[in-house]
Amino acid sequence: MIGLSALVLWAALIVWGLERTHRRRARRDPAQAGGADGRDRDSARARAELRAAADRPG
């Protein structure tokens, strides 16, 4: 009986933790997870860094 109670408690804690994490992650900004709006911020940043490096003397 104690083993069954421990198993049920363990399963309930796992489900609770997963549900809590899912709810927390669902509130994030959709733009953080990527998107289909066509903007590629990484390539724009890389181009800006390359331009800045080309403008530097040396």
PDB file of N, CA and C in Angstrom:
ATOM      1  N   MET A   1       0.824  -1.192   0.000  1.00  0.00           N
ATOM      2  CA  MET A   1       0.000   0.000   0.000  1.00  0.00           C
ATOM      3  C   MET A   1       0.874   1.264   0.000  1.00  0.00           C
ATOM      4  N   ILE A   2       1.958   1.238   0.784  1.00  0.00           N
ATOM      5  CA  ILE A   2       2.848   2.399   0.839  1.00  0.00           C
ATOM      6  C   ILE A   2       3.552   2.575  -0.500  1.00  0.00           C
ATOM      7  N   GLY A   3       3.936   1.468  -1.130  1.00  0.00           N
ATOM      8  CA  GLY A   3       4.590   1.528  -2.431  1.00  0.00           C
ATOM      9  C   GLY A   3       3.684   2.122  -3.495  1.00  0.00           C
ATOM     10  N   LEU A   4       2.419   1.723  -3.470  1.00  0.00           N
ATOM     11  CA  LEU A   4       1.453   2.260  -4.424  1.00  0.00           C
ATOM     12  C   LEU A   4       1.229   3.743  -4.178  1.00  0.00           C
ATOM     13  N   SER A   5       1.145   4.147  -2.932  1.00  0.00           N
ATOM     14  CA  SER A   5       0.974   5.563  -2.599  1.00  0.00           C
ATOM     15  C   SER A   5       2.180   6.386  -3.048  1.00  0.00           C
ATOM     16  N   ALA A   6       3.361   5.841  -2.863  1.00  0.00           N
ATOM     17  CA  ALA A   6       4.572   6.542  -3.290  1.00  0.00           C
ATOM     18  C   ALA A   6       4.607   6.671  -4.808  1.00  0.00           C
ATOM     19  N   LEU A   7       4.188   5.625  -5.526  1.00  0.00           N
ATOM     20  CA  LEU A   7       4.159   5.662  -6.980  1.00  0.00           C
ATOM     21  C   LEU A   7       3.157   6.709  -7.487  1.00  0.00           C
ATOM     22  N   VAL A   8       1.993   6.750  -6.885  1.00  0.00           N
ATOM     23  CA  VAL A   8       0.982   7.734  -7.268  1.00  0.00           C
ATOM     24  C   VAL A   8       1.474   9.143  -6.969  1.00  0.00           C
ATOM     25  N   LEU A   9       2.097   9.340  -5.825  1.00  0.00           N
ATOM     26  CA  LEU A   9       2.640  10.656  -5.477  1.00  0.00           C
ATOM     27  C   LEU A   9       3.731  11.064  -6.456  1.00  0.00           C
ATOM     28  N   TRP A  10       4.615  10.133  -6.803  1.00  0.00           N
ATOM     29  CA  TRP A  10       5.699  10.414  -7.752  1.00  0.00           C
ATOM     30  C   TRP A  10       5.124  10.808  -9.110  1.00  0.00           C
ATOM     31  N   ALA A  11       4.134  10.071  -9.600  1.00  0.00           N
ATOM     32  CA  ALA A  11       3.514  10.370 -10.896  1.00  0.00           C
ATOM     33  C   ALA A  11       2.816  11.729 -10.859  1.00  0.00           C
ATOM     34  N   ALA A  12       2.142  12.032  -9.759  1.00  0.00           N
ATOM     35  CA  ALA A  12       1.455  13.325  -9.632  1.00  0.00           C
ATOM     36  C   ALA A  12       2.455  14.472  -9.639  1.00  0.00           C
ATOM     37  N   LEU A  13       3.582  14.314  -8.989  1.00  0.00           N
ATOM     38  CA  LEU A  13       4.605  15.357  -8.983  1.00  0.00           C
ATOM     39  C   LEU A  13       5.201  15.563 -10.375  1.00  0.00           C
ATOM     40  N   ILE A  14       5.408  14.493 -11.113  1.00  0.00           N
ATOM     41  CA  ILE A  14       5.927  14.604 -12.478  1.00  0.00           C
ATOM     42  C   ILE A  14       4.931  15.353 -13.360  1.00  0.00           C
ATOM     43  N   VAL A  15       3.679  14.978 -13.293  1.00  0.00           N
ATOM     44  CA  VAL A  15       2.639  15.641 -14.097  1.00  0.00           C
ATOM     45  C   VAL A  15       2.532  17.107 -13.708  1.00  0.00           C
ATOM     46  N   TRP A  16       2.557  17.405 -12.436  1.00  0.00           N
ATOM     47  CA  TRP A  16       2.470  18.791 -11.970  1.00  0.00           C
ATOM     48  C   TRP A  16       3.651  19.612 -12.495  1.00  0.00           C
ATOM     49  N   GLY A  17       4.847  19.061 -12.413  1.00  0.00           N
ATOM     50  CA  GLY A  17       6.030  19.776 -12.879  1.00  0.00           C
ATOM     51  C   GLY A  17       5.996  20.022 -14.378  1.00  0.00           C
ATOM     52  N   LEU A  18       5.587  19.025 -15.147  1.00  0.00           N
ATOM     53  CA  LEU A  18       5.502  19.200 -16.593  1.00  0.00           C
ATOM     54  C   LEU A  18       4.441  20.226 -16.966  1.00  0.00           C
ATOM     55  N   GLU A  19       3.309  20.180 -16.313  1.00  0.00           N
ATOM     56  CA  GLU A  19       2.236  21.142 -16.594  1.00  0.00           C
ATOM     57  C   GLU A  19       2.670  22.555 -16.237  1.00  0.00           C
ATOM     58  N   ARG A  20       3.350  22.710 -15.134  1.00  0.00           N
ATOM     59  CA  ARG A  20       3.824  24.036 -14.693  1.00  0.00           C
ATOM     60  C   ARG A  20       4.814  24.601 -15.705  1.00  0.00           C
ATOM     61  N   THR A  21       5.736  23.765 -16.174  1.00  0.00           N
ATOM     62  CA  THR A  21       6.712  24.205 -17.161  1.00  0.00           C
ATOM     63  C   THR A  21       6.032  24.565 -18.472  1.00  0.00           C
ATOM     64  N   HIS A  22       5.056  23.781 -18.883  1.00  0.00           N
ATOM     65  CA  HIS A  22       4.345  24.063 -20.132  1.00  0.00           C
ATOM     66  C   HIS A  22       3.617  25.403 -20.054  1.00  0.00           C
ATOM     67  N   ARG A  23       2.968  25.673 -18.938  1.00  0.00           N
ATOM     68  CA  ARG A  23       2.249  26.945 -18.785  1.00  0.00           C
ATOM     69  C   ARG A  23       3.201  28.124 -18.800  1.00  0.00           C
ATOM     70  N   ARG A  24       4.368  27.975 -18.176  1.00  0.00           N
ATOM     71  CA  ARG A  24       5.347  29.060 -18.139  1.00  0.00           C
ATOM     72  C   ARG A  24       5.899  29.343 -19.527  1.00  0.00           C
ATOM     73  N   ARG A  25       6.175  28.308 -20.298  1.00  0.00           N
ATOM     74  CA  ARG A  25       6.757  28.489 -21.627  1.00  0.00           C
ATOM     75  C   ARG A  25       5.730  28.996 -22.631  1.00  0.00           C
ATOM     76  N   ALA A  26       4.468  28.747 -22.416  1.00  0.00           N
ATOM     77  CA  ALA A  26       3.428  29.156 -23.361  1.00  0.00           C
ATOM     78  C   ALA A  26       3.239  30.669 -23.370  1.00  0.00           C
ATOM     79  N   ARG A  27       3.679  31.359 -22.336  1.00  0.00           N
ATOM     80  CA  ARG A  27       3.489  32.811 -22.251  1.00  0.00           C
ATOM     81  C   ARG A  27       4.596  33.603 -22.929  1.00  0.00           C
ATOM     82  N   ARG A  28       5.578  32.939 -23.499  1.00  0.00           N
ATOM     83  CA  ARG A  28       6.694  33.657 -24.116  1.00  0.00           C
ATOM     84  C   ARG A  28       6.263  34.331 -25.402  1.00  0.00           C
ATOM     85  N   ASP A  29       7.031  35.297 -25.805  1.00  0.00           N
ATOM     86  CA  ASP A  29       6.786  36.022 -27.038  1.00  0.00           C
ATOM     87  C   ASP A  29       7.010  35.088 -28.227  1.00  0.00           C
ATOM     88  N   PRO A  30       6.051  34.983 -29.128  1.00  0.00           N
ATOM     89  CA  PRO A  30       6.216  34.079 -30.269  1.00  0.00           C
ATOM     90  C   PRO A  30       7.424  34.431 -31.147  1.00  0.00           C
ATOM     91  N   ALA A  31       7.839  35.684 -31.156  1.00  0.00           N
ATOM     92  CA  ALA A  31       8.984  36.079 -31.969  1.00  0.00           C
ATOM     93  C   ALA A  31      10.281  35.459 -31.450  1.00  0.00           C
ATOM     94  N   GLN A  32      10.324  35.076 -30.194  1.00  0.00           N
ATOM     95  CA  GLN A  32      11.518  34.462 -29.636  1.00  0.00           C
ATOM     96  C   GLN A  32      11.732  33.051 -30.170  1.00  0.00           C
ATOM     97  N   ALA A  33      10.665  32.395 -30.546  1.00  0.00           N
ATOM     98  CA  ALA A  33      10.765  31.025 -31.012  1.00  0.00           C
ATOM     99  C   ALA A  33      10.901  30.951 -32.529  1.00  0.00           C
ATOM    100  N   GLY A  34      11.145  32.064 -33.168  1.00  0.00           N
ATOM    101  CA  GLY A  34      11.216  32.097 -34.620  1.00  0.00           C
ATOM    102  C   GLY A  34       9.849  32.415 -35.184  1.00  0.00           C
ATOM    103  N   GLY A  35       9.800  32.646 -36.422  1.00  0.00           N
ATOM    104  CA  GLY A  35       8.512  32.971 -37.007  1.00  0.00           C
ATOM    105  C   GLY A  35       8.570  32.907 -38.513  1.00  0.00           C
ATOM    106  N   ALA A  36       7.452  33.202 -39.128  1.00  0.00           N
ATOM    107  CA  ALA A  36       7.348  33.130 -40.574  1.00  0.00           C
ATOM    108  C   ALA A  36       7.150  34.517 -41.170  1.00  0.00           C
ATOM    109  N   ASP A  37       7.605  35.548 -40.478  1.00  0.00           N
ATOM    110  CA  ASP A  37       7.384  36.900 -40.982  1.00  0.00           C
ATOM    111  C   ASP A  37       8.450  37.324 -41.993  1.00  0.00           C
ATOM    112  N   GLY A  38       9.442  36.500 -42.243  1.00  0.00           N
ATOM    113  CA  GLY A  38      10.437  36.788 -43.260  1.00  0.00           C
ATOM    114  C   GLY A  38      11.651  37.550 -42.773  1.00  0.00           C
ATOM    115  N   ARG A  39      11.626  38.054 -41.564  1.00  0.00           N
ATOM    116  CA  ARG A  39      12.795  38.775 -41.046  1.00  0.00           C
ATOM    117  C   ARG A  39      13.832  37.787 -40.542  1.00  0.00           C
ATOM    118  N   ASP A  40      15.074  38.000 -40.933  1.00  0.00           N
ATOM    119  CA  ASP A  40      16.160  37.173 -40.428  1.00  0.00           C
ATOM    120  C   ASP A  40      17.109  38.096 -39.675  1.00  0.00           C
ATOM    121  N   ARG A  41      16.893  38.191 -38.371  1.00  0.00           N
ATOM    122  CA  ARG A  41      17.683  39.129 -37.576  1.00  0.00           C
ATOM    123  C   ARG A  41      19.142  38.725 -37.499  1.00  0.00           C
ATOM    124  N   ASP A  42      19.430  37.432 -37.574  1.00  0.00           N
ATOM    125  CA  ASP A  42      20.825  36.988 -37.492  1.00  0.00           C
ATOM    126  C   ASP A  42      21.620  37.439 -38.709  1.00  0.00           C
ATOM    127  N   SER A  43      21.037  37.305 -39.896  1.00  0.00           N
ATOM    128  CA  SER A  43      21.782  37.719 -41.091  1.00  0.00           C
ATOM    129  C   SER A  43      21.942  39.233 -41.116  1.00  0.00           C
ATOM    130  N   ALA A  44      20.941  39.967 -40.671  1.00  0.00           N
ATOM    131  CA  ALA A  44      21.058  41.430 -40.614  1.00  0.00           C
ATOM    132  C   ALA A  44      22.156  41.840 -39.630  1.00  0.00           C
ATOM    133  N   ARG A  45      22.218  41.170 -38.500  1.00  0.00           N
ATOM    134  CA  ARG A  45      23.251  41.469 -37.515  1.00  0.00           C
ATOM    135  C   ARG A  45      24.635  41.119 -38.049  1.00  0.00           C
ATOM    136  N   ALA A  46      24.743  39.980 -38.723  1.00  0.00           N
ATOM    137  CA  ALA A  46      26.036  39.566 -39.268  1.00  0.00           C
ATOM    138  C   ALA A  46      26.508  40.547 -40.339  1.00  0.00           C
ATOM    139  N   ARG A  47      25.585  41.000 -41.199  1.00  0.00           N
ATOM    140  CA  ARG A  47      25.965  41.986 -42.219  1.00  0.00           C
ATOM    141  C   ARG A  47      26.440  43.282 -41.586  1.00  0.00           C
ATOM    142  N   ALA A  48      25.753  43.723 -40.536  1.00  0.00           N
ATOM    143  CA  ALA A  48      26.144  44.960 -39.853  1.00  0.00           C
ATOM    144  C   ALA A  48      27.522  44.810 -39.210  1.00  0.00           C
ATOM    145  N   GLU A  49      27.799  43.661 -38.639  1.00  0.00           N
ATOM    146  CA  GLU A  49      29.116  43.438 -38.039  1.00  0.00           C
ATOM    147  C   GLU A  49      30.213  43.406 -39.097  1.00  0.00           C
ATOM    148  N   LEU A  50      29.929  42.807 -40.244  1.00  0.00           N
ATOM    149  CA  LEU A  50      30.922  42.773 -41.319  1.00  0.00           C
ATOM    150  C   LEU A  50      31.181  44.173 -41.874  1.00  0.00           C
ATOM    151  N   ARG A  51      30.146  44.978 -42.014  1.00  0.00           N
ATOM    152  CA  ARG A  51      30.321  46.370 -42.460  1.00  0.00           C
ATOM    153  C   ARG A  51      31.157  47.144 -41.456  1.00  0.00           C
ATOM    154  N   ALA A  52      30.886  46.958 -40.177  1.00  0.00           N
ATOM    155  CA  ALA A  52      31.637  47.668 -39.145  1.00  0.00           C
ATOM    156  C   ALA A  52      33.096  47.216 -39.139  1.00  0.00           C
ATOM    157  N   ALA A  53      33.344  45.945 -39.359  1.00  0.00           N
ATOM    158  CA  ALA A  53      34.725  45.439 -39.390  1.00  0.00           C
ATOM    159  C   ALA A  53      35.458  45.969 -40.621  1.00  0.00           C
ATOM    160  N   ALA A  54      34.759  46.115 -41.738  1.00  0.00           N
ATOM    161  CA  ALA A  54      35.385  46.624 -42.960  1.00  0.00           C
ATOM    162  C   ALA A  54      35.723  48.098 -42.818  1.00  0.00           C
ATOM    163  N   ASP A  55      34.950  48.830 -42.042  1.00  0.00           N
ATOM    164  CA  ASP A  55      35.182  50.271 -41.865  1.00  0.00           C
ATOM    165  C   ASP A  55      36.308  50.564 -40.898  1.00  0.00           C
ATOM    166  N   ARG A  56      36.682  49.557 -40.090  1.00  0.00           N
ATOM    167  CA  ARG A  56      37.741  49.765 -39.101  1.00  0.00           C
ATOM    168  C   ARG A  56      39.105  49.812 -39.762  1.00  0.00           C
ATOM    169  N   PRO A  57      39.922  50.759 -39.363  1.00  0.00           N
ATOM    170  CA  PRO A  57      41.275  50.786 -39.924  1.00  0.00           C
ATOM    171  C   PRO A  57      42.110  49.633 -39.351  1.00  0.00           C
ATOM    172  N   GLY A  58      42.976  49.126 -40.152  1.00  0.00           N
ATOM    173  CA  GLY A  58      43.879  48.136 -39.621  1.00  0.00           C
ATOM    174  C   GLY A  58      43.975  46.971 -40.450  1.00  0.00           C
TER     175      GLY A  58
END
